[in-house]
């Protein structure tokens, strides 16, 4: 038993960029939506729409109103609203982390520019004024 060696662990090779891209394109990502409030809001209107859809006059009025809505609301706003449905917003933790990163970067860059400005102004004063 003392002579037996444990089998070596084999680690899985990391995925290449191409493999990751192929995997991500294979699985369509659906955006997260908060549907519960929308469902509660749509429920009475769905019943009303199905009731009114039985009558031809109401269908014609609905089509006219839809057409007027397309004329009044520009296509840019409609497409922007449609695009906002696909956005995945960061959660609170990610927002805090990203905000801190932006603030830290801004402070470091501001200090770097201020130091560079101070040094160059002293250099040009020394060259131009001969001090």
Protein backbone atom coordinates (compact mmCIF):
# COMPACT_ATOMS: atom_id res chain seq x y z
CA UNK A 1 0.00 0.00 0.00
CA UNK A 2 2.87 2.37 0.72
CA UNK A 3 4.16 1.92 -2.84
CA UNK A 4 0.88 2.96 -4.44
CA UNK A 5 0.81 6.49 -5.74
CA UNK A 6 -2.27 8.65 -5.91
CA UNK A 7 -3.40 9.36 -9.46
CA UNK A 8 -2.48 12.85 -10.63
CA UNK A 9 -5.30 15.34 -10.88
CA UNK A 10 -5.87 16.63 -14.34
CA UNK A 11 -7.17 20.13 -14.65
CA UNK A 12 -9.52 21.04 -17.43
CA UNK A 13 -7.90 23.29 -20.01
CA UNK A 14 -9.27 26.86 -19.95
CA UNK A 15 -11.67 27.81 -22.70
CA UNK A 16 -10.35 29.74 -25.64
CA UNK A 17 -11.98 32.95 -26.79
CA UNK A 18 -13.37 31.17 -29.82
CA UNK A 19 -14.98 28.46 -27.65
CA UNK A 20 -16.50 31.08 -25.36
CA UNK A 21 -17.92 32.97 -28.35
CA UNK A 22 -19.38 29.80 -29.82
CA UNK A 23 -20.94 28.89 -26.47
CA UNK A 24 -22.42 32.35 -25.95
CA UNK A 25 -23.87 32.44 -29.47
CA UNK A 26 -25.43 29.02 -28.96
CA UNK A 27 -27.35 30.11 -25.87
CA UNK A 28 -29.58 33.12 -26.53
CA UNK A 29 -29.61 35.40 -23.51
CA UNK A 30 -33.02 36.64 -22.55
CA UNK A 31 -33.17 39.91 -20.65
CA UNK A 32 -34.46 39.85 -17.11
CA UNK A 33 -37.82 41.51 -16.84
CA UNK A 34 -39.95 42.41 -13.90
CA UNK A 35 -43.15 40.88 -15.20
CA UNK A 36 -45.19 40.59 -12.04
CA UNK A 37 -46.26 44.26 -11.99
CA UNK A 38 -46.90 44.28 -15.74
CA UNK A 39 -49.06 41.19 -15.55
CA UNK A 40 -51.14 42.72 -12.78
CA UNK A 41 -51.48 45.88 -14.82
CA UNK A 42 -52.35 44.12 -18.09
CA UNK A 43 -54.88 41.65 -16.68
CA UNK A 44 -57.97 43.93 -16.70
CA UNK A 45 -57.06 45.38 -20.09
CA UNK A 46 -56.59 41.92 -21.58
CA UNK A 47 -60.09 40.95 -20.59
CA UNK A 48 -61.46 44.21 -21.97
CA UNK A 49 -59.49 43.80 -25.21
CA UNK A 50 -60.72 40.24 -25.71
CA UNK A 51 -64.29 41.42 -25.05
CA UNK A 52 -64.03 44.34 -27.47
CA UNK A 53 -62.21 42.24 -30.08
CA UNK A 54 -65.44 40.30 -30.66
CA UNK A 55 -67.01 43.34 -32.26
CA UNK A 56 -65.82 44.50 -35.67
CA UNK A 57 -66.32 48.23 -34.97
CA UNK A 58 -63.97 48.12 -31.99
CA UNK A 59 -61.31 46.33 -34.05
CA UNK A 60 -61.47 49.08 -36.65
CA UNK A 61 -61.23 51.78 -33.96
CA UNK A 62 -58.25 49.97 -32.40
CA UNK A 63 -56.45 49.86 -35.76
CA UNK A 64 -57.13 53.57 -36.32
CA UNK A 65 -55.82 54.44 -32.86
CA UNK A 66 -52.72 52.31 -33.44
CA UNK A 67 -52.10 54.12 -36.73
CA UNK A 68 -52.54 57.54 -35.08
CA UNK A 69 -50.13 56.46 -32.33
CA UNK A 70 -47.53 55.59 -34.95
CA UNK A 71 -47.92 59.03 -36.51
CA UNK A 72 -47.85 60.99 -33.24
CA UNK A 73 -45.03 59.08 -31.51
CA UNK A 74 -41.85 59.23 -33.62
CA UNK A 75 -40.22 55.96 -34.60
CA UNK A 76 -37.05 56.96 -32.72
CA UNK A 77 -38.93 57.00 -29.40
CA UNK A 78 -40.69 53.72 -30.16
CA UNK A 79 -37.43 51.98 -31.10
CA UNK A 80 -35.66 53.46 -28.05
CA UNK A 81 -38.40 52.15 -25.78
CA UNK A 82 -38.19 48.74 -27.45
CA UNK A 83 -34.40 48.75 -26.99
CA UNK A 84 -34.70 49.62 -23.28
CA UNK A 85 -36.59 46.37 -22.73
CA UNK A 86 -33.43 44.46 -23.70
CA UNK A 87 -31.11 46.30 -21.30
CA UNK A 88 -29.85 44.33 -18.34
CA UNK A 89 -29.35 46.82 -15.54
CA UNK A 90 -26.65 46.28 -12.90
CA UNK A 91 -27.71 45.39 -9.39
CA UNK A 92 -26.94 47.56 -6.36
CA UNK A 93 -23.60 45.91 -5.59
CA UNK A 94 -22.33 46.26 -9.15
CA UNK A 95 -23.50 49.86 -9.28
CA UNK A 96 -21.61 50.71 -6.10
CA UNK A 97 -18.47 48.97 -7.32
CA UNK A 98 -18.54 50.65 -10.73
CA UNK A 99 -19.26 54.07 -9.20
CA UNK A 100 -16.27 53.68 -6.88
CA UNK A 101 -14.08 52.68 -9.84
CA UNK A 102 -15.14 55.78 -11.80
CA UNK A 103 -14.54 58.07 -8.80
CA UNK A 104 -11.12 56.53 -8.07
CA UNK A 105 -10.10 56.84 -11.71
CA UNK A 106 -11.27 60.48 -11.79
CA UNK A 107 -9.30 61.38 -8.65
CA UNK A 108 -6.12 59.70 -9.92
CA UNK A 109 -6.41 61.29 -13.36
CA UNK A 110 -7.18 64.71 -11.83
CA UNK A 111 -4.12 64.48 -9.56
CA UNK A 112 -1.96 63.45 -12.50
CA UNK A 113 -3.16 66.36 -14.65
CA UNK A 114 -2.77 68.84 -11.78
CA UNK A 115 0.81 67.65 -11.13
CA UNK A 116 1.67 67.81 -14.81
CA UNK A 117 0.16 71.30 -15.09
CA UNK A 118 2.07 72.55 -12.05
CA UNK A 119 5.35 71.12 -13.31
CA UNK A 120 4.97 72.48 -16.84
CA UNK A 121 3.93 75.94 -15.61
CA UNK A 122 7.06 76.14 -13.41
CA UNK A 123 9.21 74.90 -16.29
CA UNK A 124 7.85 77.49 -18.74
CA UNK A 125 8.17 80.27 -16.14
CA UNK A 126 11.79 79.29 -15.63
CA UNK A 127 12.47 79.22 -19.38
CA UNK A 128 10.56 82.36 -20.35
CA UNK A 129 11.30 84.54 -17.32
CA UNK A 130 14.82 83.18 -16.79
CA UNK A 131 14.40 82.59 -13.06
